[in-house]
Each structure stands twice: as structure tokens, then as C-alpha cells.
Amino acid sequence: MDTEDWLADTRVSYDTVAVSYADQLRGRLAEEPYLRAVLALFAEQVRAAGGGPVADVGCGPGHVTAHLRGLGVDAFGIDLSPGMIEVARRDHPGLRFEVGSMTDLDLPTASVAGLLAWWSLIHVPDDEVPTVFGDFHRVLRPGGALQLGFHVGDQSRLKTRGYGDHPMRVLVHRRQPDQVATWLRDAGFDVEAQLLLGPHELVPQAVLLARRPS
């Protein structure tokens, strides 16, 4: 599957489920104390480094972007799906949301103080990840914080239904934290912490915290 194929499939799939996805995730953060804690830490890191704009890449319906704004962070959202961006703008008026791809971020070099990519890398093929991380490194300021969330595992699966039982066609990639950390280091990041969530669940989750060196 080449870049255009998986990007097009991802875009169409999330356009299709955008409204149902937003309905299912609304209020979900209130039930996730560990995720709220790592977001608070991320916001603290951004403020401690002097503040500035923060990109929520793969923002979906914008609920995490809005949460970061509530933590005093100048966050804006980017998503591949125009349908998701439409829902984000509807649900969070006054916040900045843009259509864009993490494979080719339309952001100036060293323009953001922090970058968050929560469960949006899960559809990016392995051979594209180094390019994505290279672009993350490019747009982050020296000293800027990076936080990633993803599914843990060793396999990929094709997701054909989801979020209200709508049709989808996306590959979901599960990865080991050590592999993701290696890719980050290869892209020039310092990896500062790894958090494993639900280690005994069928599909654990991981959050990695990294920084572009000053």
C-alpha cells in the first residue's frame, strides 16, 4: 500500500465516522486519570520552556486540543480528515483547527513549543514513521516537548467497521515502546519517559515523552 492509498483510506474512513467518533469520545478524558496526568505534565513542560503554540497532530474531534487549552496551553489541532475538523470546529468554536497530514506538516521550522500525537500514528506504516518523526523534529523548537500515544503490540490489523458500525478501511499498527523510542532517537529526539497503560489488557497502551534537544 503506497502513501497515497493509506492516506486516502484513512481520510475517507474518518470522514465517515467523524460524528459517531466524537459522540463516543465526548467526556472520555474524565474517566482517564492517567491520561489527564500526562497531559498536565505536557502542559507544564511547555510552560516551563517559555510557552508558545502547541500542535495536536491527528486531533480528531478536538477534545484533547480543548483540554490542553483548559490547561493554559496555546494548542491548535491538525487532522487529515476534513470531517473531523468540521466536527472539531463545531464542538470547540474559537479554537484553531486545520486540515493537514503528519507526513507533510505545513508548519514553519522550529515554530511550535510542543507537539502531541495521541493515537494518530497507529495508521502510519512503519516505513513512513521515520519521515513523520523527522518532520516533528523540524517543526519543534529546540527544547520543545513531544508526547506520543499508541497501541502496544507486534501486529497490524485491517479495521473494516468502527464507531457506530460505520464502514472503514484502515490498517491499525501496534508497536513496542522500545521500537518507537528507537525511531525517535534516530530522528534526533531525547526520549525522557515511557508509560505503559493497562499492561494486563489485551491491547495495552503506551505514552512516550521526548524532547528536541536545546
Protein backbone atom coordinates (compact mmCIF):
# COMPACT_ATOMS: atom_id res chain seq x y z
CA MET A 1 0.00 0.00 0.00
CA ASP A 2 1.64 3.25 -1.08
CA THR A 3 1.43 6.57 0.75
CA GLU A 4 -1.48 7.94 -1.24
CA ASP A 5 -3.52 4.75 -0.75
CA TRP A 6 -3.28 4.61 3.03
CA LEU A 7 -3.70 8.35 3.41
CA ALA A 8 -6.81 8.33 1.21
CA ASP A 9 -8.27 5.33 3.05
CA THR A 10 -7.62 6.96 6.41
CA ARG A 11 -9.13 10.26 5.33
CA VAL A 12 -12.30 8.72 3.91
CA SER A 13 -12.71 6.35 6.86
CA TYR A 14 -12.54 9.12 9.45
CA ASP A 15 -14.74 11.41 7.41
CA THR A 16 -17.31 8.61 7.55
CA VAL A 17 -17.15 8.08 11.32
CA ALA A 18 -16.43 11.65 12.44
CA VAL A 19 -19.75 12.38 14.14
CA SER A 20 -20.03 8.97 15.83
CA TYR A 21 -16.38 9.10 16.90
CA ALA A 22 -16.88 12.49 18.54
CA ASP A 23 -20.01 11.26 20.33
CA GLN A 24 -18.17 8.22 21.72
CA LEU A 25 -15.15 10.18 22.92
CA ARG A 26 -17.02 13.11 24.42
CA GLY A 27 -16.30 13.11 28.14
CA ARG A 28 -13.90 10.15 27.89
CA LEU A 29 -10.97 12.05 29.38
CA ALA A 30 -12.92 12.48 32.60
CA GLU A 31 -12.65 8.68 33.01
CA GLU A 32 -8.90 8.52 32.29
CA PRO A 33 -6.86 9.87 35.24
CA TYR A 34 -3.50 8.70 33.90
CA LEU A 35 -4.07 10.36 30.54
CA ARG A 36 -5.13 13.58 32.24
CA ALA A 37 -1.96 13.39 34.32
CA VAL A 38 0.35 13.05 31.31
CA LEU A 39 -1.46 15.91 29.58
CA ALA A 40 -0.94 18.06 32.68
CA LEU A 41 2.75 17.13 32.67
CA PHE A 42 2.99 18.01 28.98
CA ALA A 43 1.38 21.40 29.61
CA GLU A 44 3.79 22.01 32.49
CA GLN A 45 6.76 21.16 30.25
CA VAL A 46 5.57 23.60 27.59
CA ARG A 47 5.08 26.41 30.10
CA ALA A 48 8.44 25.72 31.77
CA ALA A 49 10.18 26.08 28.39
CA GLY A 50 8.64 29.52 27.84
CA GLY A 51 5.31 28.60 26.29
CA GLY A 52 4.18 29.06 22.72
CA PRO A 53 1.95 27.32 20.19
CA VAL A 54 1.38 23.58 20.53
CA ALA A 55 0.28 21.31 17.68
CA ASP A 56 -2.14 18.48 18.40
CA VAL A 57 -1.43 16.35 15.33
CA GLY A 58 -4.21 13.95 14.47
CA CYS A 59 -6.55 15.89 16.72
CA GLY A 60 -9.75 14.17 15.60
CA PRO A 61 -12.81 15.96 17.04
CA GLY A 62 -10.62 18.29 19.11
CA HIS A 63 -11.41 17.15 22.64
CA VAL A 64 -7.74 16.83 23.62
CA THR A 65 -6.90 20.16 21.97
CA ALA A 66 -9.62 21.80 24.03
CA HIS A 67 -8.38 20.09 27.20
CA LEU A 68 -4.89 21.46 26.61
CA ARG A 69 -6.33 24.94 26.16
CA GLY A 70 -8.03 24.49 29.50
CA LEU A 71 -4.59 23.76 30.96
CA GLY A 72 -3.35 27.12 29.72
CA VAL A 73 -1.61 25.86 26.58
CA ASP A 74 -1.93 27.65 23.23
CA ALA A 75 -2.97 24.46 21.45
CA PHE A 76 -4.29 24.08 17.92
CA GLY A 77 -5.38 20.94 16.06
CA ILE A 78 -4.40 19.35 12.77
CA ASP A 79 -6.15 16.35 11.25
CA LEU A 80 -6.11 14.54 7.94
CA SER A 81 -9.91 14.25 7.90
CA PRO A 82 -11.94 17.31 6.85
CA GLY A 83 -14.94 15.66 8.52
CA MET A 84 -13.11 15.53 11.85
CA ILE A 85 -12.03 19.14 11.51
CA GLU A 86 -15.62 20.17 10.79
CA VAL A 87 -16.77 18.44 13.98
CA ALA A 88 -13.88 19.93 15.99
CA ARG A 89 -14.78 23.43 14.84
CA ARG A 90 -18.44 22.80 15.65
CA ASP A 91 -17.75 21.43 19.14
CA HIS A 92 -14.98 23.87 20.05
CA PRO A 93 -15.71 27.21 18.40
CA GLY A 94 -12.98 29.78 18.72
CA LEU A 95 -10.17 27.22 18.68
CA ARG A 96 -7.91 26.77 15.69
CA PHE A 97 -8.26 23.57 13.64
CA GLU A 98 -6.70 22.85 10.26
CA VAL A 99 -6.79 20.03 7.72
CA GLY A 100 -3.29 18.62 7.24
CA SER A 101 -1.16 15.48 7.17
CA MET A 102 1.56 14.49 9.61
CA THR A 103 3.50 13.12 6.64
CA ASP A 104 3.96 16.70 5.36
CA LEU A 105 3.24 19.24 8.08
CA ASP A 106 2.51 22.70 6.75
CA LEU A 107 4.27 24.41 9.65
CA PRO A 108 7.43 26.55 9.65
CA THR A 109 10.65 25.14 11.02
CA ALA A 110 11.02 25.48 14.82
CA SER A 111 7.58 27.08 15.03
CA VAL A 112 5.90 25.09 17.83
CA ALA A 113 6.77 24.79 21.51
CA GLY A 114 5.21 21.35 21.83
CA LEU A 115 3.69 18.59 19.71
CA LEU A 116 1.19 15.96 20.73
CA ALA A 117 0.29 12.91 18.61
CA TRP A 118 -2.16 10.75 20.53
CA TRP A 119 -3.21 7.51 18.83
CA SER A 120 -2.83 9.11 15.40
CA LEU A 121 0.41 7.32 14.45
CA ILE A 122 -1.42 4.00 14.59
CA HIS A 123 -2.31 4.20 10.88
CA VAL A 124 1.15 5.26 9.66
CA PRO A 125 3.12 2.40 8.06
CA ASP A 126 6.50 1.52 9.59
CA ASP A 127 8.45 2.81 6.61
CA GLU A 128 6.76 6.22 6.89
CA VAL A 129 7.34 6.69 10.64
CA PRO A 130 10.95 7.98 10.33
CA THR A 131 9.77 10.65 7.87
CA VAL A 132 6.97 11.68 10.23
CA PHE A 133 9.32 11.88 13.21
CA GLY A 134 11.79 13.87 11.13
CA ASP A 135 9.07 16.41 10.39
CA PHE A 136 8.08 16.52 14.07
CA HIS A 137 11.71 17.32 14.89
CA ARG A 138 11.80 20.02 12.21
CA VAL A 139 8.74 21.93 13.41
CA LEU A 140 9.55 21.72 17.14
CA ARG A 141 11.65 24.44 18.71
CA PRO A 142 14.88 23.39 20.43
CA GLY A 143 13.82 22.22 23.88
CA GLY A 144 10.29 21.55 22.65
CA ALA A 145 8.27 18.70 24.20
CA LEU A 146 6.84 15.78 22.24
CA GLN A 147 4.25 13.33 23.54
CA LEU A 148 3.06 10.23 21.68
CA GLY A 149 0.29 7.74 22.46
CA PHE A 150 -0.18 4.40 20.67
CA HIS A 151 -1.33 0.79 20.90
CA VAL A 152 1.24 -1.73 22.14
CA GLY A 153 1.84 -4.98 20.29
CA ASP A 154 3.61 -6.64 17.40
CA GLN A 155 0.90 -6.97 14.77
CA SER A 156 -1.20 -4.89 12.39
CA ARG A 157 -4.83 -5.49 11.57
CA LEU A 158 -7.26 -4.17 9.00
CA LYS A 159 -10.15 -2.32 10.61
CA THR A 160 -13.26 -2.51 8.42
CA ARG A 161 -16.00 -1.32 10.82
CA GLY A 162 -15.99 1.10 13.70
CA TYR A 163 -17.50 3.94 15.71
CA GLY A 164 -21.19 3.36 15.20
CA ASP A 165 -20.52 0.34 12.97
CA HIS A 166 -19.71 2.56 10.00
CA PRO A 167 -17.52 1.11 7.22
CA MET A 168 -13.82 1.84 7.49
CA ARG A 169 -10.66 0.68 5.75
CA VAL A 170 -7.58 1.41 7.84
CA LEU A 171 -4.62 -0.62 8.99
CA VAL A 172 -4.08 -0.32 12.75
CA HIS A 173 -0.43 -0.83 13.71
CA ARG A 174 0.51 -1.98 17.22
CA ARG A 175 4.11 -1.29 18.22
CA GLN A 176 6.53 -1.90 21.04
CA PRO A 177 7.60 1.20 23.01
CA ASP A 178 11.28 0.37 22.54
CA GLN A 179 10.87 0.37 18.77
CA VAL A 180 9.10 3.75 18.81
CA ALA A 181 11.79 5.11 21.15
CA THR A 182 14.50 3.96 18.72
CA TRP A 183 12.80 5.74 15.84
CA LEU A 184 12.59 8.89 17.97
CA ARG A 185 16.28 8.78 18.86
CA ASP A 186 17.18 8.20 15.22
CA ALA A 187 15.20 11.36 14.38
CA GLY A 188 17.23 13.37 16.91
CA PHE A 189 14.96 13.30 19.98
CA ASP A 190 15.88 12.65 23.58
CA VAL A 191 13.41 10.11 24.99
CA GLU A 192 12.70 11.03 28.60
CA ALA A 193 9.98 8.63 29.77
CA GLN A 194 7.77 5.71 28.80
CA LEU A 195 4.41 4.95 30.41
CA LEU A 196 2.60 1.62 29.89
CA LEU A 197 -1.15 1.73 30.49
CA GLY A 198 -3.20 -1.41 31.09
CA PRO A 199 -0.25 -3.82 30.94
CA HIS A 200 -2.54 -6.82 31.57
CA GLU A 201 -5.16 -5.83 28.99
CA LEU A 202 -5.47 -7.50 25.60
CA VAL A 203 -4.11 -4.36 23.90
CA PRO A 204 -2.07 -2.17 26.28
CA GLN A 205 -1.44 1.48 25.52
CA ALA A 206 1.81 3.41 25.75
CA VAL A 207 2.70 7.09 26.13
CA LEU A 208 6.22 8.26 25.27
CA LEU A 209 7.63 11.63 26.34
CA ALA A 210 10.51 13.08 24.37
CA ARG A 211 12.17 16.39 23.69
CA ARG A 212 14.04 18.04 20.88
CA PRO A 213 17.44 18.85 22.40
CA SER A 214 18.20 22.52 23.03
